[in-house]
C-alpha cells in the first residue's frame, strides 16, 4: 500500500514539472526567438517481486519463467528544446534580421578576434567550441556610439571585416583570416580619423552589411557571421535569448551563411515557435494525469485508514 503512495507522489512531481514547462512555453508565446520545450517522462526504478529464470529442458525439471517487477511511478527523464525554425514577423527596421535556417548569430562582449580554424579546415570557418561568445536567434541590431554593431543588450555582433579589396564585380572582398566585431570603417578623407557618417542600412541575405552615408555613397561595413552547432540541444540557455556552448554541443563553427545554416532576412524578427494548440491540449492531459495521481493517494489513504480502524 505504501508503494502506491510513493508511486503517486513521484507521478505528481513529474506532472508538476511538465506543467512548469508548459507554463513557461505559454508565457513566452510572444517572445522573439523563443524555442519551446517538451517534458519527457520515464518509468521510475523497479523492484523484482519474482526473478526470471531460464528453463531446464531435462527430465524432471521445469521451463523458464518471466520476471515479475513492480515500478515506483514516473520521473522526468529530460526536457528537450525544439530548435525548429518558425515564421518571421516584419518589423520594417532594416537592422532587424533573422536566420531563416538552423544557424545562430554570434554575439558577446568585446573580445579578441576568433582565429582558431575549424576542424573542417575550410577558409573562413572558425572553432567556437571553447566559448568566448554567445549564440542568439534574435537579430535586434543597431550601431553604438563607437560605430560597432551591437544587439539590444549591448553585445557586439561578430563577423568579417572588408579586406580593402574588391572582386571583378566591384563587391568588397571580406577578410576571412579572423572573425571580429563588426564596425563602421574609418573615413580616409576625414582629417580626424572619424568614422563614416551612416544614415541608412541594408543587410543582404548573405549577411553583408552596407551603409549609405550622408553623401548617398554606399560603404560595405562587414559580413555577419553565423554559428553552425552540431547539437543545438547541447547548448546551455542563458538569461534572455542567449545560448552558450555546453559540454554536449559538439562542434560549433563560426562561418559565413550557407544553404545549410540559412540565409539572413533583413527587416524581420523570428517569432516564438510555441504551439498554443498543442500546449493547451498537453496541459489538459497533464492536469488529468495529476488528478489521477492524487486519486491514488486518496484511495491509499482510505485503505490505511481501514487498516488502522481494525485495531478498534
Foldseek 3Di string as FASTA:
>chain_A
DVLLLQQLVQLLVALVVQVVLLVVLVVQQFAFPAWHKGWDKDFADKDWPADWDAWDPDPPTGHTDHIDIDTRHMHTPDIFTDQDFDDWDFQQAQQWKFFPARWWWKWAAADDWFQAAFPVPDFLKGFCQVWPTWTFGTRQWDADPQFFIAHPVRTFTKFWAFPPDADPVRHTDTDSRTIHGFGAAFDPPDPVRHGAAFDGWHADQQQFIWTAGPVRDIDTRGGGKIKDWPAVRQWDDDPGRITINHPPRPTIMIGIDDVNRGTMDGRITTGYPRDVVVSVVVNVVSVVSSVVSVVSNVVVVVVVVVVVVVVD
